[in-house]
Amino acid sequence: MRVKIRRADQKKAHWELYSDHTGEFAQRLPPDKADYVVWADLKDYKLPSGKHLKGGSEVTVHIEDIAVRYEIGLHLTW
């Protein structure tokens, strides 16, 4: 699945990456306090059964301390 990340004060994604086969992904961010928006881009993606997945809501993440590892989740539906 393609995952996109942008700073909350920007319009376009700055980072674009793919999750692994279990849906996990990781991205290092600049060492500053900021809000980021994370979402799954599922355009043209479908399950082997033929069902199309739909991304859930965008997730806003507030990064306060870059030395800390933050874990977030994205929920998908079909």
N, C-alpha and C. Protein backbone atom coordinates (compact mmCIF):
# COMPACT_ATOMS: atom_id res chain seq x y z
N MET A 1 0.84 -1.16 0.00
CA MET A 1 0.00 0.00 0.00
C MET A 1 0.89 1.23 0.00
N ARG A 2 0.51 2.23 -0.74
CA ARG A 2 1.26 3.48 -0.81
C ARG A 2 0.80 4.39 0.34
N VAL A 3 1.76 4.93 1.06
CA VAL A 3 1.50 5.83 2.18
C VAL A 3 2.12 7.19 1.83
N LYS A 4 1.36 8.25 2.08
CA LYS A 4 1.85 9.60 1.81
C LYS A 4 1.85 10.40 3.10
N ILE A 5 2.85 11.28 3.21
CA ILE A 5 3.01 12.12 4.40
C ILE A 5 3.34 13.54 3.95
N ARG A 6 2.71 14.50 4.60
CA ARG A 6 3.01 15.91 4.34
C ARG A 6 2.94 16.67 5.64
N ARG A 7 3.61 17.80 5.69
CA ARG A 7 3.44 18.69 6.84
C ARG A 7 2.02 19.25 6.78
N ALA A 8 1.43 19.49 7.92
CA ALA A 8 0.04 19.96 7.97
C ALA A 8 -0.14 21.31 7.30
N ASP A 9 0.91 22.11 7.23
CA ASP A 9 0.80 23.44 6.62
C ASP A 9 1.10 23.43 5.12
N GLN A 10 1.25 22.25 4.53
CA GLN A 10 1.52 22.14 3.11
C GLN A 10 0.38 21.38 2.41
N LYS A 11 0.29 21.53 1.11
CA LYS A 11 -0.79 20.92 0.34
C LYS A 11 -0.42 19.55 -0.24
N LYS A 12 0.84 19.39 -0.67
CA LYS A 12 1.26 18.17 -1.35
C LYS A 12 2.11 17.29 -0.45
N ALA A 13 2.06 15.99 -0.72
CA ALA A 13 2.86 15.03 0.04
C ALA A 13 4.35 15.28 -0.20
N HIS A 14 5.11 15.24 0.87
CA HIS A 14 6.55 15.40 0.78
C HIS A 14 7.24 14.04 0.76
N TRP A 15 6.63 13.07 1.42
CA TRP A 15 7.17 11.71 1.46
C TRP A 15 6.13 10.75 0.90
N GLU A 16 6.60 9.79 0.14
CA GLU A 16 5.74 8.75 -0.41
C GLU A 16 6.50 7.44 -0.27
N LEU A 17 5.89 6.48 0.37
CA LEU A 17 6.56 5.20 0.60
C LEU A 17 5.53 4.08 0.53
N TYR A 18 6.00 2.86 0.55
CA TYR A 18 5.13 1.70 0.49
C TYR A 18 5.25 0.89 1.76
N SER A 19 4.12 0.38 2.22
CA SER A 19 4.14 -0.49 3.40
C SER A 19 4.61 -1.88 2.97
N ASP A 20 5.00 -2.67 3.95
CA ASP A 20 5.40 -4.04 3.64
C ASP A 20 4.16 -4.93 3.56
N HIS A 21 4.35 -6.24 3.44
CA HIS A 21 3.22 -7.16 3.25
C HIS A 21 2.29 -7.23 4.45
N THR A 22 2.72 -6.73 5.62
CA THR A 22 1.84 -6.70 6.79
C THR A 22 1.23 -5.32 7.01
N GLY A 23 1.54 -4.37 6.11
CA GLY A 23 0.98 -3.03 6.22
C GLY A 23 1.82 -2.07 7.05
N GLU A 24 2.99 -2.50 7.49
CA GLU A 24 3.83 -1.63 8.30
C GLU A 24 4.76 -0.77 7.44
N PHE A 25 5.03 0.44 7.93
CA PHE A 25 5.93 1.34 7.22
C PHE A 25 6.65 2.20 8.26
N ALA A 26 7.75 2.79 7.85
CA ALA A 26 8.51 3.68 8.73
C ALA A 26 9.06 4.84 7.90
N GLN A 27 9.11 6.01 8.52
CA GLN A 27 9.64 7.20 7.84
C GLN A 27 10.32 8.08 8.88
N ARG A 28 11.55 8.46 8.62
CA ARG A 28 12.24 9.43 9.48
C ARG A 28 11.81 10.83 9.06
N LEU A 29 11.59 11.68 10.05
CA LEU A 29 11.15 13.04 9.79
C LEU A 29 12.20 14.03 10.27
N PRO A 30 12.17 15.28 9.77
CA PRO A 30 13.14 16.28 10.20
C PRO A 30 13.07 16.50 11.72
N PRO A 31 14.20 16.85 12.33
CA PRO A 31 14.24 17.02 13.79
C PRO A 31 13.67 18.35 14.25
N ASP A 32 12.38 18.55 14.04
CA ASP A 32 11.72 19.75 14.53
C ASP A 32 10.29 19.41 14.95
N LYS A 33 9.73 20.24 15.80
CA LYS A 33 8.35 20.04 16.23
C LYS A 33 7.42 20.46 15.10
N ALA A 34 6.47 19.60 14.78
CA ALA A 34 5.56 19.91 13.67
C ALA A 34 4.38 18.96 13.68
N ASP A 35 3.35 19.33 12.92
CA ASP A 35 2.20 18.45 12.69
C ASP A 35 2.34 17.89 11.28
N TYR A 36 2.05 16.60 11.15
CA TYR A 36 2.12 15.92 9.86
C TYR A 36 0.78 15.24 9.60
N VAL A 37 0.44 15.14 8.32
CA VAL A 37 -0.77 14.44 7.90
C VAL A 37 -0.33 13.19 7.14
N VAL A 38 -0.90 12.04 7.53
CA VAL A 38 -0.53 10.75 6.95
C VAL A 38 -1.80 10.11 6.39
N TRP A 39 -1.71 9.54 5.18
CA TRP A 39 -2.86 8.86 4.59
C TRP A 39 -2.40 7.76 3.65
N ALA A 40 -3.32 6.84 3.40
CA ALA A 40 -3.06 5.74 2.45
C ALA A 40 -3.64 6.13 1.10
N ASP A 41 -2.84 6.02 0.06
CA ASP A 41 -3.28 6.29 -1.31
C ASP A 41 -3.60 4.94 -1.94
N LEU A 42 -4.87 4.63 -2.06
CA LEU A 42 -5.28 3.31 -2.53
C LEU A 42 -5.88 3.33 -3.93
N LYS A 43 -5.61 4.38 -4.67
CA LYS A 43 -6.13 4.47 -6.03
C LYS A 43 -5.63 3.28 -6.84
N ASP A 44 -6.51 2.60 -7.51
CA ASP A 44 -6.19 1.44 -8.36
C ASP A 44 -5.66 0.24 -7.58
N TYR A 45 -5.86 0.20 -6.26
CA TYR A 45 -5.39 -0.93 -5.47
C TYR A 45 -6.59 -1.79 -5.10
N LYS A 46 -6.47 -3.09 -5.31
CA LYS A 46 -7.56 -3.98 -4.91
C LYS A 46 -6.98 -5.26 -4.34
N LEU A 47 -7.79 -5.92 -3.55
CA LEU A 47 -7.39 -7.19 -2.92
C LEU A 47 -7.40 -8.30 -3.96
N PRO A 48 -6.72 -9.42 -3.68
CA PRO A 48 -6.75 -10.56 -4.61
C PRO A 48 -8.18 -11.04 -4.90
N SER A 49 -9.10 -10.81 -3.96
CA SER A 49 -10.49 -11.22 -4.16
C SER A 49 -11.22 -10.31 -5.16
N GLY A 50 -10.58 -9.19 -5.54
CA GLY A 50 -11.19 -8.26 -6.47
C GLY A 50 -11.83 -7.06 -5.81
N LYS A 51 -11.97 -7.10 -4.47
CA LYS A 51 -12.56 -5.96 -3.77
C LYS A 51 -11.59 -4.79 -3.77
N HIS A 52 -12.14 -3.60 -3.97
CA HIS A 52 -11.33 -2.38 -3.93
C HIS A 52 -11.27 -1.87 -2.50
N LEU A 53 -10.10 -1.49 -2.05
CA LEU A 53 -9.95 -0.91 -0.73
C LEU A 53 -10.18 0.59 -0.80
N LYS A 54 -10.66 1.15 0.29
CA LYS A 54 -10.86 2.59 0.42
C LYS A 54 -10.08 3.05 1.65
N GLY A 55 -9.40 4.15 1.50
CA GLY A 55 -8.66 4.70 2.63
C GLY A 55 -9.60 5.30 3.64
N GLY A 56 -9.22 5.22 4.88
CA GLY A 56 -9.99 5.87 5.93
C GLY A 56 -9.63 7.34 5.99
N SER A 57 -9.83 7.93 7.10
CA SER A 57 -9.53 9.35 7.27
C SER A 57 -8.02 9.58 7.31
N GLU A 58 -7.63 10.78 6.93
CA GLU A 58 -6.24 11.17 7.10
C GLU A 58 -5.98 11.24 8.60
N VAL A 59 -4.75 10.96 8.99
CA VAL A 59 -4.37 11.00 10.40
C VAL A 59 -3.40 12.16 10.58
N THR A 60 -3.71 13.04 11.53
CA THR A 60 -2.80 14.13 11.86
C THR A 60 -1.98 13.71 13.07
N VAL A 61 -0.67 13.84 12.94
CA VAL A 61 0.25 13.42 14.00
C VAL A 61 1.06 14.63 14.44
N HIS A 62 1.05 14.91 15.74
CA HIS A 62 1.84 16.00 16.28
C HIS A 62 3.16 15.43 16.80
N ILE A 63 4.26 15.88 16.23
CA ILE A 63 5.57 15.43 16.65
C ILE A 63 6.15 16.48 17.58
N GLU A 64 6.36 16.10 18.82
CA GLU A 64 6.89 17.01 19.83
C GLU A 64 8.38 16.75 20.07
N ASP A 65 8.76 15.50 20.08
CA ASP A 65 10.15 15.13 20.37
C ASP A 65 10.60 14.13 19.33
N ILE A 66 11.48 14.53 18.43
CA ILE A 66 11.89 13.68 17.32
C ILE A 66 12.73 12.49 17.78
N ALA A 67 13.24 12.53 19.01
CA ALA A 67 14.03 11.41 19.52
C ALA A 67 13.15 10.24 19.94
N VAL A 68 11.85 10.44 19.94
CA VAL A 68 10.90 9.41 20.35
C VAL A 68 10.31 8.75 19.12
N ARG A 69 10.09 7.45 19.20
CA ARG A 69 9.44 6.73 18.10
C ARG A 69 7.93 6.82 18.29
N TYR A 70 7.24 7.29 17.28
CA TYR A 70 5.78 7.42 17.32
C TYR A 70 5.17 6.30 16.48
N GLU A 71 4.11 5.70 16.98
CA GLU A 71 3.41 4.68 16.21
C GLU A 71 1.99 5.16 15.96
N ILE A 72 1.56 5.04 14.71
CA ILE A 72 0.21 5.45 14.33
C ILE A 72 -0.44 4.31 13.57
N GLY A 73 -1.73 4.42 13.36
CA GLY A 73 -2.44 3.42 12.58
C GLY A 73 -3.36 4.08 11.57
N LEU A 74 -3.50 3.42 10.43
CA LEU A 74 -4.43 3.85 9.38
C LEU A 74 -5.45 2.74 9.20
N HIS A 75 -6.73 3.06 9.18
CA HIS A 75 -7.77 2.06 9.02
C HIS A 75 -8.31 2.09 7.59
N LEU A 76 -8.40 0.92 6.99
CA LEU A 76 -8.87 0.79 5.61
C LEU A 76 -10.19 0.03 5.60
N THR A 77 -11.02 0.31 4.60
CA THR A 77 -12.29 -0.40 4.44
C THR A 77 -12.44 -0.82 2.99
N TRP A 78 -13.42 -1.66 2.72
CA TRP A 78 -13.76 -2.00 1.34
C TRP A 78 -15.23 -1.94 1.15
